[in-house]
PDB file of all heavy atoms in Angstrom:
ATOM      1  N   ARG A   1       0.863  -1.222  -0.049  1.00  0.00           N
ATOM      2  CA  ARG A   1       0.043  -0.010  -0.047  1.00  0.00           C
ATOM      3  C   ARG A   1       1.001   1.255   0.008  1.00  0.00           C
ATOM      4  O   ARG A   1       1.978   1.272   0.580  1.00  0.00           O
ATOM      5  CB  ARG A   1      -0.947   0.017   1.201  1.00  0.00           C
ATOM      6  CG  ARG A   1      -0.315   0.274   2.525  1.00  0.00           C
ATOM      7  CD  ARG A   1      -1.428  -0.139   3.611  1.00  0.00           C
ATOM      8  NE  ARG A   1      -2.396   0.847   3.556  1.00  0.00           N
ATOM      9  CZ  ARG A   1      -3.669   0.743   4.187  1.00  0.00           C
ATOM     10  NH1 ARG A   1      -4.024  -0.474   4.638  1.00  0.00           N
ATOM     11  NH2 ARG A   1      -4.476   1.674   4.027  1.00  0.00           N
ATOM     12  N   ASP A   2       0.376   2.338  -0.599  1.00  0.00           N
ATOM     13  CA  ASP A   2       0.995   3.609  -0.617  1.00  0.00           C
ATOM     14  C   ASP A   2      -0.097   4.590  -0.180  1.00  0.00           C
ATOM     15  O   ASP A   2      -0.974   5.134  -0.941  1.00  0.00           O
ATOM     16  CB  ASP A   2       1.388   4.058  -2.059  1.00  0.00           C
ATOM     17  CG  ASP A   2       2.233   5.307  -2.056  1.00  0.00           C
ATOM     18  OD1 ASP A   2       2.121   6.032  -1.216  1.00  0.00           O
ATOM     19  OD2 ASP A   2       3.014   5.447  -3.120  1.00  0.00           O
ATOM     20  N   ASP A   3      -0.035   4.883   1.026  1.00  0.00           N
ATOM     21  CA  ASP A   3      -1.069   5.789   1.606  1.00  0.00           C
ATOM     22  C   ASP A   3      -0.997   7.171   1.043  1.00  0.00           C
ATOM     23  O   ASP A   3      -2.056   7.982   0.963  1.00  0.00           O
ATOM     24  CB  ASP A   3      -1.073   5.729   3.154  1.00  0.00           C
ATOM     25  CG  ASP A   3      -1.450   4.433   3.801  1.00  0.00           C
ATOM     26  OD1 ASP A   3      -2.148   3.688   3.055  1.00  0.00           O
ATOM     27  OD2 ASP A   3      -1.169   4.282   4.902  1.00  0.00           O
ATOM     28  N   ALA A   4      -0.038   7.622   0.604  1.00  0.00           N
ATOM     29  CA  ALA A   4       0.209   8.942   0.120  1.00  0.00           C
ATOM     30  C   ALA A   4      -0.536   9.047  -1.248  1.00  0.00           C
ATOM     31  O   ALA A   4      -0.918  10.053  -1.641  1.00  0.00           O
ATOM     32  CB  ALA A   4       1.694   9.204  -0.084  1.00  0.00           C
ATOM     33  N   LYS A   5      -0.726   7.902  -1.877  1.00  0.00           N
ATOM     34  CA  LYS A   5      -1.419   7.859  -3.201  1.00  0.00           C
ATOM     35  C   LYS A   5      -2.772   7.257  -2.978  1.00  0.00           C
ATOM     36  O   LYS A   5      -3.444   7.023  -3.976  1.00  0.00           O
ATOM     37  CB  LYS A   5      -0.528   7.065  -4.231  1.00  0.00           C
ATOM     38  CG  LYS A   5       0.736   7.713  -4.579  1.00  0.00           C
ATOM     39  CD  LYS A   5       1.424   6.986  -5.620  1.00  0.00           C
ATOM     40  CE  LYS A   5       2.682   7.557  -6.061  1.00  0.00           C
ATOM     41  NZ  LYS A   5       3.443   6.823  -7.109  1.00  0.00           N
ATOM     42  N   ASN A   6      -3.100   6.806  -1.806  1.00  0.00           N
ATOM     43  CA  ASN A   6      -4.437   6.173  -1.552  1.00  0.00           C
ATOM     44  C   ASN A   6      -4.638   5.016  -2.454  1.00  0.00           C
ATOM     45  O   ASN A   6      -5.617   4.740  -3.038  1.00  0.00           O
ATOM     46  CB  ASN A   6      -5.569   7.162  -1.783  1.00  0.00           C
ATOM     47  CG  ASN A   6      -5.743   8.236  -0.591  1.00  0.00           C
ATOM     48  OD1 ASN A   6      -5.018   8.115   0.458  1.00  0.00           O
ATOM     49  ND2 ASN A   6      -6.549   9.152  -0.782  1.00  0.00           N
ATOM     50  N   THR A   7      -3.608   4.201  -2.537  1.00  0.00           N
ATOM     51  CA  THR A   7      -3.596   3.077  -3.449  1.00  0.00           C
ATOM     52  C   THR A   7      -2.949   1.835  -2.707  1.00  0.00           C
ATOM     53  O   THR A   7      -1.918   1.899  -2.054  1.00  0.00           O
ATOM     54  CB  THR A   7      -2.827   3.440  -4.731  1.00  0.00           C
ATOM     55  OG1 THR A   7      -3.325   4.641  -5.378  1.00  0.00           O
ATOM     56  CG2 THR A   7      -2.883   2.293  -5.747  1.00  0.00           C
ATOM     57  N   VAL A   8      -3.595   0.671  -3.071  1.00  0.00           N
ATOM     58  CA  VAL A   8      -3.120  -0.659  -2.776  1.00  0.00           C
ATOM     59  C   VAL A   8      -2.827  -1.435  -4.010  1.00  0.00           C
ATOM     60  O   VAL A   8      -3.580  -1.283  -4.943  1.00  0.00           O
ATOM     61  CB  VAL A   8      -4.122  -1.346  -1.847  1.00  0.00           C
ATOM     62  CG1 VAL A   8      -3.730  -2.963  -1.726  1.00  0.00           C
ATOM     63  CG2 VAL A   8      -4.115  -0.750  -0.387  1.00  0.00           C
ATOM     64  N   TYR A   9      -1.729  -2.082  -3.960  1.00  0.00           N
ATOM     65  CA  TYR A   9      -1.291  -2.891  -5.236  1.00  0.00           C
ATOM     66  C   TYR A   9      -1.263  -4.397  -4.850  1.00  0.00           C
ATOM     67  O   TYR A   9      -0.998  -4.883  -3.710  1.00  0.00           O
ATOM     68  CB  TYR A   9       0.164  -2.506  -5.584  1.00  0.00           C
ATOM     69  CG  TYR A   9       0.258  -1.000  -5.793  1.00  0.00           C
ATOM     70  CD1 TYR A   9       0.876  -0.113  -4.797  1.00  0.00           C
ATOM     71  CD2 TYR A   9      -0.070  -0.457  -7.065  1.00  0.00           C
ATOM     72  CE1 TYR A   9       0.893   1.221  -5.111  1.00  0.00           C
ATOM     73  CE2 TYR A   9       0.035   0.993  -7.264  1.00  0.00           C
ATOM     74  CZ  TYR A   9       0.548   1.705  -6.231  1.00  0.00           C
ATOM     75  OH  TYR A   9       0.716   3.174  -6.477  1.00  0.00           O
ATOM     76  N   LEU A  10      -1.445  -5.129  -5.937  1.00  0.00           N
ATOM     77  CA  LEU A  10      -1.299  -6.679  -5.877  1.00  0.00           C
ATOM     78  C   LEU A  10      -0.446  -6.985  -7.084  1.00  0.00           C
ATOM     79  O   LEU A  10      -0.846  -6.952  -8.117  1.00  0.00           O
ATOM     80  CB  LEU A  10      -2.681  -7.324  -5.964  1.00  0.00           C
ATOM     81  CG  LEU A  10      -2.581  -8.797  -5.733  1.00  0.00           C
ATOM     82  CD1 LEU A  10      -2.060  -9.128  -4.273  1.00  0.00           C
ATOM     83  CD2 LEU A  10      -3.924  -9.535  -6.099  1.00  0.00           C
ATOM     84  N   GLN A  11       0.830  -7.287  -6.660  1.00  0.00           N
ATOM     85  CA  GLN A  11       1.839  -7.839  -7.715  1.00  0.00           C
ATOM     86  C   GLN A  11       1.641  -9.191  -7.842  1.00  0.00           C
ATOM     87  O   GLN A  11       1.736 -10.005  -6.836  1.00  0.00           O
ATOM     88  CB  GLN A  11       3.262  -7.427  -7.235  1.00  0.00           C
ATOM     89  CG  GLN A  11       4.279  -8.039  -8.242  1.00  0.00           C
ATOM     90  CD  GLN A  11       4.214  -7.204  -9.595  1.00  0.00           C
ATOM     91  OE1 GLN A  11       4.090  -6.100  -9.649  1.00  0.00           O
ATOM     92  NE2 GLN A  11       4.340  -8.083 -10.573  1.00  0.00           N
ATOM     93  N   MET A  12       1.329  -9.745  -9.053  1.00  0.00           N
ATOM     94  CA  MET A  12       1.024 -11.227  -9.237  1.00  0.00           C
ATOM     95  C   MET A  12       2.105 -11.691 -10.223  1.00  0.00           C
ATOM     96  O   MET A  12       2.185 -11.228 -11.278  1.00  0.00           O
ATOM     97  CB  MET A  12      -0.330 -11.254  -9.878  1.00  0.00           C
ATOM     98  CG  MET A  12      -1.489 -10.661  -8.951  1.00  0.00           C
ATOM     99  SD  MET A  12      -3.124 -11.052  -9.507  1.00  0.00           S
ATOM    100  CE  MET A  12      -3.162 -10.324 -11.121  1.00  0.00           C
ATOM    101  N   ASN A  13       2.894 -12.531  -9.773  1.00  0.00           N
ATOM    102  CA  ASN A  13       3.893 -13.272 -10.527  1.00  0.00           C
ATOM    103  C   ASN A  13       3.495 -14.717 -10.666  1.00  0.00           C
ATOM    104  O   ASN A  13       2.792 -15.207  -9.968  1.00  0.00           O
ATOM    105  CB  ASN A  13       5.240 -13.125  -9.904  1.00  0.00           C
ATOM    106  CG  ASN A  13       5.715 -11.671  -9.797  1.00  0.00           C
ATOM    107  OD1 ASN A  13       5.323 -10.755 -10.617  1.00  0.00           O
ATOM    108  ND2 ASN A  13       6.376 -11.383  -8.673  1.00  0.00           N
ATOM    109  N   SER A  14       4.246 -15.392 -11.670  1.00  0.00           N
ATOM    110  CA  SER A  14       4.040 -16.744 -11.915  1.00  0.00           C
ATOM    111  C   SER A  14       2.588 -17.084 -12.114  1.00  0.00           C
ATOM    112  O   SER A  14       2.149 -18.157 -11.368  1.00  0.00           O
ATOM    113  CB  SER A  14       4.816 -17.628 -10.743  1.00  0.00           C
ATOM    114  OG  SER A  14       6.163 -17.328 -10.725  1.00  0.00           O
ATOM    115  N   LEU A  15       1.892 -16.439 -12.835  1.00  0.00           N
ATOM    116  CA  LEU A  15       0.386 -16.590 -12.906  1.00  0.00           C
ATOM    117  C   LEU A  15       0.146 -17.909 -13.512  1.00  0.00           C
ATOM    118  O   LEU A  15       0.810 -18.383 -14.381  1.00  0.00           O
ATOM    119  CB  LEU A  15      -0.184 -15.432 -13.694  1.00  0.00           C
ATOM    120  CG  LEU A  15      -0.431 -14.165 -12.845  1.00  0.00           C
ATOM    121  CD1 LEU A  15      -0.440 -12.970 -13.848  1.00  0.00           C
ATOM    122  CD2 LEU A  15      -1.555 -14.308 -11.870  1.00  0.00           C
ATOM    123  N   LYS A  16      -1.014 -18.490 -13.092  1.00  0.00           N
ATOM    124  CA  LYS A  16      -1.477 -19.825 -13.447  1.00  0.00           C
ATOM    125  C   LYS A  16      -2.944 -19.687 -14.027  1.00  0.00           C
ATOM    126  O   LYS A  16      -3.695 -18.703 -13.741  1.00  0.00           O
ATOM    127  CB  LYS A  16      -1.577 -20.796 -12.428  1.00  0.00           C
ATOM    128  CG  LYS A  16      -0.245 -20.880 -11.680  1.00  0.00           C
ATOM    129  CD  LYS A  16      -0.362 -21.845 -10.334  1.00  0.00           C
ATOM    130  CE  LYS A  16       0.858 -22.028  -9.638  1.00  0.00           C
ATOM    131  NZ  LYS A  16       0.706 -22.777  -8.458  1.00  0.00           N
ATOM    132  N   PRO A  17      -3.285 -20.551 -14.864  1.00  0.00           N
ATOM    133  CA  PRO A  17      -4.698 -20.505 -15.395  1.00  0.00           C
ATOM    134  C   PRO A  17      -5.737 -20.528 -14.399  1.00  0.00           C
ATOM    135  O   PRO A  17      -6.742 -19.761 -14.474  1.00  0.00           O
ATOM    136  CB  PRO A  17      -4.763 -21.803 -16.316  1.00  0.00           C
ATOM    137  CG  PRO A  17      -3.486 -21.998 -16.624  1.00  0.00           C
ATOM    138  CD  PRO A  17      -2.511 -21.636 -15.652  1.00  0.00           C
ATOM    139  N   GLU A  18      -5.506 -21.149 -13.183  1.00  0.00           N
ATOM    140  CA  GLU A  18      -6.368 -21.142 -12.107  1.00  0.00           C
ATOM    141  C   GLU A  18      -6.537 -19.820 -11.403  1.00  0.00           C
ATOM    142  O   GLU A  18      -7.297 -19.566 -10.540  1.00  0.00           O
ATOM    143  CB  GLU A  18      -6.144 -22.217 -11.165  1.00  0.00           C
ATOM    144  CG  GLU A  18      -4.676 -22.340 -10.646  1.00  0.00           C
ATOM    145  CD  GLU A  18      -3.816 -23.294 -11.458  1.00  0.00           C
ATOM    146  OE1 GLU A  18      -3.989 -23.253 -12.596  1.00  0.00           O
ATOM    147  OE2 GLU A  18      -3.059 -24.015 -10.796  1.00  0.00           O
ATOM    148  N   ASP A  19      -5.642 -18.849 -11.794  1.00  0.00           N
ATOM    149  CA  ASP A  19      -5.816 -17.495 -11.123  1.00  0.00           C
ATOM    150  C   ASP A  19      -6.756 -16.691 -11.960  1.00  0.00           C
ATOM    151  O   ASP A  19      -7.016 -15.512 -11.562  1.00  0.00           O
ATOM    152  CB  ASP A  19      -4.322 -16.741 -11.275  1.00  0.00           C
ATOM    153  CG  ASP A  19      -3.300 -17.333 -10.262  1.00  0.00           C
ATOM    154  OD1 ASP A  19      -3.748 -17.792  -9.164  1.00  0.00           O
ATOM    155  OD2 ASP A  19      -2.282 -17.580 -10.769  1.00  0.00           O
ATOM    156  N   THR A  20      -7.263 -17.202 -13.019  1.00  0.00           N
ATOM    157  CA  THR A  20      -8.280 -16.386 -13.765  1.00  0.00           C
ATOM    158  C   THR A  20      -9.521 -16.251 -13.065  1.00  0.00           C
ATOM    159  O   THR A  20     -10.114 -17.044 -12.424  1.00  0.00           O
ATOM    160  CB  THR A  20      -8.666 -17.238 -14.995  1.00  0.00           C
ATOM    161  OG1 THR A  20      -7.508 -17.362 -16.005  1.00  0.00           O
ATOM    162  CG2 THR A  20      -9.756 -16.623 -15.839  1.00  0.00           C
ATOM    163  N   ALA A  21      -9.936 -14.933 -12.919  1.00  0.00           N
ATOM    164  CA  ALA A  21     -11.116 -14.469 -12.100  1.00  0.00           C
ATOM    165  C   ALA A  21     -11.099 -12.986 -12.333  1.00  0.00           C
ATOM    166  O   ALA A  21     -10.430 -12.219 -12.778  1.00  0.00           O
ATOM    167  CB  ALA A  21     -10.909 -14.890 -10.628  1.00  0.00           C
ATOM    168  N   VAL A  22     -12.290 -12.525 -11.681  1.00  0.00           N
ATOM    169  CA  VAL A  22     -12.457 -11.135 -11.526  1.00  0.00           C
ATOM    170  C   VAL A  22     -11.944 -10.840 -10.105  1.00  0.00           C
ATOM    171  O   VAL A  22     -12.362 -11.411  -9.075  1.00  0.00           O
ATOM    172  CB  VAL A  22     -14.037 -10.539 -11.537  1.00  0.00           C
ATOM    173  CG1 VAL A  22     -14.139  -9.174 -11.314  1.00  0.00           C
ATOM    174  CG2 VAL A  22     -14.569 -10.887 -12.918  1.00  0.00           C
ATOM    175  N   TYR A  23     -11.062  -9.831 -10.043  1.00  0.00           N
ATOM    176  CA  TYR A  23     -10.428  -9.433  -8.823  1.00  0.00           C
ATOM    177  C   TYR A  23     -10.970  -8.153  -8.276  1.00  0.00           C
ATOM    178  O   TYR A  23     -11.151  -7.127  -8.965  1.00  0.00           O
ATOM    179  CB  TYR A  23      -8.907  -9.192  -8.967  1.00  0.00           C
ATOM    180  CG  TYR A  23      -8.191 -10.624  -9.203  1.00  0.00           C
ATOM    181  CD1 TYR A  23      -8.403 -11.302 -10.273  1.00  0.00           C
ATOM    182  CD2 TYR A  23      -7.342 -10.985  -8.134  1.00  0.00           C
ATOM    183  CE1 TYR A  23      -7.664 -12.520 -10.416  1.00  0.00           C
ATOM    184  CE2 TYR A  23      -6.669 -12.143  -8.251  1.00  0.00           C
ATOM    185  CZ  TYR A  23      -6.905 -12.966  -9.416  1.00  0.00           C
ATOM    186  OH  TYR A  23      -6.259 -14.146  -9.538  1.00  0.00           O
ATOM    187  N   TYR A  24     -11.523  -8.178  -6.947  1.00  0.00           N
ATOM    188  CA  TYR A  24     -12.019  -7.061  -6.289  1.00  0.00           C
ATOM    189  C   TYR A  24     -11.190  -6.556  -5.060  1.00  0.00           C
ATOM    190  O   TYR A  24     -10.624  -7.337  -4.396  1.00  0.00           O
ATOM    191  CB  TYR A  24     -13.409  -7.497  -5.816  1.00  0.00           C
ATOM    192  CG  TYR A  24     -14.385  -8.016  -6.788  1.00  0.00           C
ATOM    193  CD1 TYR A  24     -14.404  -9.305  -7.110  1.00  0.00           C
ATOM    194  CD2 TYR A  24     -15.328  -7.064  -7.329  1.00  0.00           C
ATOM    195  CE1 TYR A  24     -15.267  -9.700  -8.027  1.00  0.00           C
ATOM    196  CE2 TYR A  24     -16.184  -7.549  -8.297  1.00  0.00           C
ATOM    197  CZ  TYR A  24     -16.255  -8.850  -8.658  1.00  0.00           C
ATOM    198  OH  TYR A  24     -17.179  -9.260  -9.558  1.00  0.00           O
ATOM    199  N   CYS A  25     -11.247  -5.315  -4.861  1.00  0.00           N
ATOM    200  CA  CYS A  25     -10.577  -4.827  -3.654  1.00  0.00           C
ATOM    201  C   CYS A  25     -11.741  -4.397  -2.606  1.00  0.00           C
ATOM    202  O   CYS A  25     -12.759  -3.937  -3.140  1.00  0.00           O
ATOM    203  CB  CYS A  25      -9.587  -3.686  -3.880  1.00  0.00           C
ATOM    204  SG  CYS A  25     -10.225  -2.171  -4.453  1.00  0.00           S
ATOM    205  N   LYS A  26     -11.382  -4.508  -1.438  1.00  0.00           N
ATOM    206  CA  LYS A  26     -12.357  -4.132  -0.341  1.00  0.00           C
ATOM    207  C   LYS A  26     -11.661  -3.321   0.746  1.00  0.00           C
ATOM    208  O   LYS A  26     -10.516  -3.788   1.230  1.00  0.00           O
ATOM    209  CB  LYS A  26     -12.911  -5.449   0.243  1.00  0.00           C
ATOM    210  CG  LYS A  26     -13.956  -5.241   1.357  1.00  0.00           C
ATOM    211  CD  LYS A  26     -14.326  -6.581   2.049  1.00  0.00           C
ATOM    212  CE  LYS A  26     -13.273  -6.845   3.195  1.00  0.00           C
ATOM    213  NZ  LYS A  26     -13.846  -8.016   3.947  1.00  0.00           N
ATOM    214  N   GLY A  27     -12.236  -2.342   1.146  1.00  0.00           N
ATOM    215  CA  GLY A  27     -11.667  -1.455   2.254  1.00  0.00           C
ATOM    216  C   GLY A  27     -12.572  -1.671   3.372  1.00  0.00           C
ATOM    217  O   GLY A  27     -13.802  -1.667   3.257  1.00  0.00           O
ATOM    218  N   ALA A  28     -12.085  -1.918   4.549  1.00  0.00           N
ATOM    219  CA  ALA A  28     -12.859  -2.173   5.792  1.00  0.00           C
ATOM    220  C   ALA A  28     -12.182  -1.596   7.050  1.00  0.00           C
ATOM    221  O   ALA A  28     -11.079  -1.551   7.262  1.00  0.00           O
ATOM    222  CB  ALA A  28     -12.978  -3.687   6.020  1.00  0.00           C
ATOM    223  N   ARG A  29     -13.148  -0.848   7.770  1.00  0.00           N
ATOM    224  CA  ARG A  29     -12.700  -0.312   9.082  1.00  0.00           C
ATOM    225  C   ARG A  29     -14.000  -0.592   9.971  1.00  0.00           C
ATOM    226  O   ARG A  29     -15.013   0.019   9.726  1.00  0.00           O
ATOM    227  CB  ARG A  29     -12.321   1.040   9.013  1.00  0.00           C
ATOM    228  CG  ARG A  29     -11.929   1.613  10.344  1.00  0.00           C
ATOM    229  CD  ARG A  29     -11.457   3.064  10.343  1.00  0.00           C
ATOM    230  NE  ARG A  29     -12.631   3.875  10.163  1.00  0.00           N
ATOM    231  CZ  ARG A  29     -12.596   5.372  10.140  1.00  0.00           C
ATOM    232  NH1 ARG A  29     -11.470   5.866  10.122  1.00  0.00           N
ATOM    233  NH2 ARG A  29     -13.652   5.920  10.008  1.00  0.00           N
ATOM    234  N   GLY A  30     -13.914  -1.496  10.993  1.00  0.00           N
ATOM    235  CA  GLY A  30     -15.127  -1.708  11.736  1.00  0.00           C
ATOM    236  C   GLY A  30     -16.125  -2.367  10.965  1.00  0.00           C
ATOM    237  O   GLY A  30     -15.944  -3.305  10.116  1.00  0.00           O
ATOM    238  N   ARG A  31     -17.337  -1.841  10.894  1.00  0.00           N
ATOM    239  CA  ARG A  31     -18.430  -2.267  10.239  1.00  0.00           C
ATOM    240  C   ARG A  31     -18.584  -1.630   8.997  1.00  0.00           C
ATOM    241  O   ARG A  31     -19.439  -1.940   8.075  1.00  0.00           O
ATOM    242  CB  ARG A  31     -19.710  -2.109  11.037  1.00  0.00           C
ATOM    243  CG  ARG A  31     -19.820  -2.925  12.308  1.00  0.00           C
ATOM    244  CD  ARG A  31     -21.203  -2.733  13.095  1.00  0.00           C
ATOM    245  NE  ARG A  31     -21.300  -3.443  14.232  1.00  0.00           N
ATOM    246  CZ  ARG A  31     -22.276  -3.486  15.039  1.00  0.00           C
ATOM    247  NH1 ARG A  31     -23.440  -2.851  14.747  1.00  0.00           N
ATOM    248  NH2 ARG A  31     -22.380  -4.376  16.118  1.00  0.00           N
ATOM    249  N   THR A  32     -17.714  -0.695   8.587  1.00  0.00           N
ATOM    250  CA  THR A  32     -17.756   0.045   7.402  1.00  0.00           C
ATOM    251  C   THR A  32     -16.947  -0.704   6.323  1.00  0.00           C
ATOM    252  O   THR A  32     -15.704  -0.853   6.434  1.00  0.00           O
ATOM    253  CB  THR A  32     -17.304   1.488   7.475  1.00  0.00           C
ATOM    254  OG1 THR A  32     -17.946   2.172   8.428  1.00  0.00           O
ATOM    255  CG2 THR A  32     -17.352   2.284   6.162  1.00  0.00           C
ATOM    256  N   VAL A  33     -17.648  -1.143   5.255  1.00  0.00           N
ATOM    257  CA  VAL A  33     -16.992  -1.802   4.175  1.00  0.00           C
ATOM    258  C   VAL A  33     -17.268  -1.234   2.813  1.00  0.00           C
ATOM    259  O   VAL A  33     -18.491  -0.884   2.623  1.00  0.00           O
ATOM    260  CB  VAL A  33     -17.417  -3.172   4.153  1.00  0.00           C
ATOM    261  CG1 VAL A  33     -16.875  -4.102   3.030  1.00  0.00           C
ATOM    262  CG2 VAL A  33     -17.086  -3.932   5.452  1.00  0.00           C
ATOM    263  N   TYR A  34     -16.357  -1.074   1.938  1.00  0.00           N
ATOM    264  CA  TYR A  34     -16.371  -0.614   0.642  1.00  0.00           C
ATOM    265  C   TYR A  34     -15.840  -1.559  -0.236  1.00  0.00           C
ATOM    266  O   TYR A  34     -14.720  -2.222  -0.059  1.00  0.00           O
ATOM    267  CB  TYR A  34     -15.772   0.795   0.415  1.00  0.00           C
ATOM    268  CG  TYR A  34     -16.180   1.802   1.405  1.00  0.00           C
ATOM    269  CD1 TYR A  34     -15.340   2.442   2.212  1.00  0.00           C
ATOM    270  CD2 TYR A  34     -17.473   2.223   1.449  1.00  0.00           C
ATOM    271  CE1 TYR A  34     -15.655   3.572   3.049  1.00  0.00           C
ATOM    272  CE2 TYR A  34     -17.944   3.296   2.289  1.00  0.00           C
ATOM    273  CZ  TYR A  34     -17.009   3.896   3.179  1.00  0.00           C
ATOM    274  OH  TYR A  34     -17.361   4.917   3.938  1.00  0.00           O
ATOM    275  N   TRP A  35     -16.504  -1.760  -1.304  1.00  0.00           N
ATOM    276  CA  TRP A  35     -15.959  -2.655  -2.461  1.00  0.00           C
ATOM    277  C   TRP A  35     -15.883  -1.894  -3.800  1.00  0.00           C
ATOM    278  O   TRP A  35     -16.606  -0.909  -4.152  1.00  0.00           O
ATOM    279  CB  TRP A  35     -17.037  -3.673  -2.776  1.00  0.00           C
ATOM    280  CG  TRP A  35     -17.109  -4.909  -1.707  1.00  0.00           C
ATOM    281  CD1 TRP A  35     -17.964  -4.893  -0.663  1.00  0.00           C
ATOM    282  CD2 TRP A  35     -16.335  -6.124  -1.661  1.00  0.00           C
ATOM    283  NE1 TRP A  35     -17.763  -6.018   0.151  1.00  0.00           N
ATOM    284  CE2 TRP A  35     -16.762  -6.729  -0.498  1.00  0.00           C
ATOM    285  CE3 TRP A  35     -15.325  -6.616  -2.572  1.00  0.00           C
ATOM    286  CZ2 TRP A  35     -16.200  -7.992  -0.187  1.00  0.00           C
ATOM    287  CZ3 TRP A  35     -14.817  -7.861  -2.060  1.00  0.00           C
ATOM    288  CH2 TRP A  35     -15.265  -8.475  -1.094  1.00  0.00           C
ATOM    289  N   GLY A  36     -14.867  -2.324  -4.555  1.00  0.00           N
ATOM    290  CA  GLY A  36     -14.674  -1.837  -5.938  1.00  0.00           C
ATOM    291  C   GLY A  36     -15.483  -2.750  -6.947  1.00  0.00           C
ATOM    292  O   GLY A  36     -16.209  -3.603  -6.641  1.00  0.00           O
ATOM    293  N   GLN A  37     -15.363  -2.267  -8.238  1.00  0.00           N
ATOM    294  CA  GLN A  37     -16.203  -2.936  -9.170  1.00  0.00           C
ATOM    295  C   GLN A  37     -15.616  -4.083  -9.862  1.00  0.00           C
ATOM    296  O   GLN A  37     -16.304  -4.976 -10.481  1.00  0.00           O
ATOM    297  CB  GLN A  37     -16.538  -1.930 -10.320  1.00  0.00           C
ATOM    298  CG  GLN A  37     -15.555  -1.690 -11.409  1.00  0.00           C
ATOM    299  CD  GLN A  37     -14.278  -1.020 -10.868  1.00  0.00           C
ATOM    300  OE1 GLN A  37     -14.220  -0.429  -9.879  1.00  0.00           O
ATOM    301  NE2 GLN A  37     -13.230  -1.064 -11.756  1.00  0.00           N
ATOM    302  N   GLY A  38     -14.311  -4.224  -9.554  1.00  0.00           N
ATOM    303  CA  GLY A  38     -13.647  -5.542  -9.997  1.00  0.00           C
ATOM    304  C   GLY A  38     -12.847  -5.248 -11.408  1.00  0.00           C
ATOM    305  O   GLY A  38     -13.207  -4.255 -12.156  1.00  0.00           O
ATOM    306  N   THR A  39     -11.713  -5.997 -11.575  1.00  0.00           N
ATOM    307  CA  THR A  39     -11.110  -6.044 -12.825  1.00  0.00           C
ATOM    308  C   THR A  39     -10.748  -7.467 -13.295  1.00  0.00           C
ATOM    309  O   THR A  39     -10.514  -8.364 -12.360  1.00  0.00           O
ATOM    310  CB  THR A  39      -9.787  -5.237 -12.663  1.00  0.00           C
ATOM    311  OG1 THR A  39      -9.088  -5.152 -13.937  1.00  0.00           O
ATOM    312  CG2 THR A  39      -8.878  -5.871 -11.598  1.00  0.00           C
ATOM    313  N   GLN A  40     -10.971  -7.745 -14.494  1.00  0.00           N
ATOM    314  CA  GLN A  40     -10.845  -9.173 -15.070  1.00  0.00           C
ATOM    315  C   GLN A  40      -9.311  -9.404 -15.186  1.00  0.00           C
ATOM    316  O   GLN A  40      -8.607  -8.808 -15.877  1.00  0.00           O
ATOM    317  CB  GLN A  40     -11.600  -9.287 -16.308  1.00  0.00           C
ATOM    318  CG  GLN A  40     -11.325 -10.594 -16.972  1.00  0.00           C
ATOM    319  CD  GLN A  40     -12.162 -11.778 -16.300  1.00  0.00           C
ATOM    320  OE1 GLN A  40     -13.274 -11.743 -15.808  1.00  0.00           O
ATOM    321  NE2 GLN A  40     -11.399 -12.917 -15.989  1.00  0.00           N
ATOM    322  N   VAL A  41      -8.983 -10.611 -14.653  1.00  0.00           N
ATOM    323  CA  VAL A  41      -7.648 -11.344 -14.868  1.00  0.00           C
ATOM    324  C   VAL A  41      -7.869 -12.482 -15.706  1.00  0.00           C
ATOM    325  O   VAL A  41      -8.521 -13.416 -15.108  1.00  0.00           O
ATOM    326  CB  VAL A  41      -6.800 -11.312 -13.642  1.00  0.00           C
ATOM    327  CG1 VAL A  41      -5.515 -12.100 -14.017  1.00  0.00           C
ATOM    328  CG2 VAL A  41      -6.609  -9.964 -12.972  1.00  0.00           C
ATOM    329  N   THR A  42      -7.291 -12.671 -16.861  1.00  0.00           N
ATOM    330  CA  THR A  42      -7.322 -13.984 -17.526  1.00  0.00           C
ATOM    331  C   THR A  42      -5.990 -14.485 -17.917  1.00  0.00           C
ATOM    332  O   THR A  42      -5.155 -13.718 -18.502  1.00  0.00           O
ATOM    333  CB  THR A  42      -8.112 -13.745 -18.846  1.00  0.00           C
ATOM    334  OG1 THR A  42      -9.438 -13.199 -18.591  1.00  0.00           O
ATOM    335  CG2 THR A  42      -8.297 -15.102 -19.617  1.00  0.00           C
ATOM    336  N   VAL A  43      -5.710 -15.680 -17.398  1.00  0.00           N
ATOM    337  CA  VAL A  43      -4.482 -16.337 -17.663  1.00  0.00           C
ATOM    338  C   VAL A  43      -4.612 -17.448 -18.585  1.00  0.00           C
ATOM    339  O   VAL A  43      -5.177 -18.474 -18.218  1.00  0.00           O
ATOM    340  CB  VAL A  43      -3.738 -16.944 -16.340  1.00  0.00           C
ATOM    341  CG1 VAL A  43      -2.319 -17.327 -16.599  1.00  0.00           C
ATOM    342  CG2 VAL A  43      -3.787 -15.726 -15.317  1.00  0.00           C
ATOM    343  N   SER A  44      -4.080 -17.240 -19.798  1.00  0.00           N
ATOM    344  CA  SER A  44      -4.283 -18.268 -20.795  1.00  0.00           C
ATOM    345  C   SER A  44      -3.319 -18.249 -21.927  1.00  0.00           C
ATOM    346  O   SER A  44      -2.777 -17.061 -22.145  1.00  0.00           O
ATOM    347  CB  SER A  44      -5.658 -18.024 -21.475  1.00  0.00           C
ATOM    348  OG  SER A  44      -5.866 -18.977 -22.570  1.00  0.00           O
ATOM    349  N   SER A  45      -2.964 -19.267 -22.493  1.00  0.00           N
ATOM    350  CA  SER A  45      -1.976 -19.178 -23.703  1.00  0.00           C
ATOM    351  C   SER A  45      -2.716 -19.146 -24.987  1.00  0.00           C
ATOM    352  O   SER A  45      -2.104 -19.075 -26.019  1.00  0.00           O
ATOM    353  CB  SER A  45      -1.125 -20.507 -23.642  1.00  0.00           C
ATOM    354  OG  SER A  45      -1.903 -21.775 -23.611  1.00  0.00           O
TER     355      SER A  45
END
C-alpha cells in the first residue's frame, strides 16, 4: 500500500490459469466496508 497515493497494489507473478477471475478490492474499518467494481484477470495461452 501507498497511503500517500491512496492506493493498494497486488503484484502477481508466476500466474497460472487457475488465477483467472474477477479481482475485487475491499476497504474495511469496523463495520464500514467498501467494494470496488472489479477487474478481470485472464491467464491463458
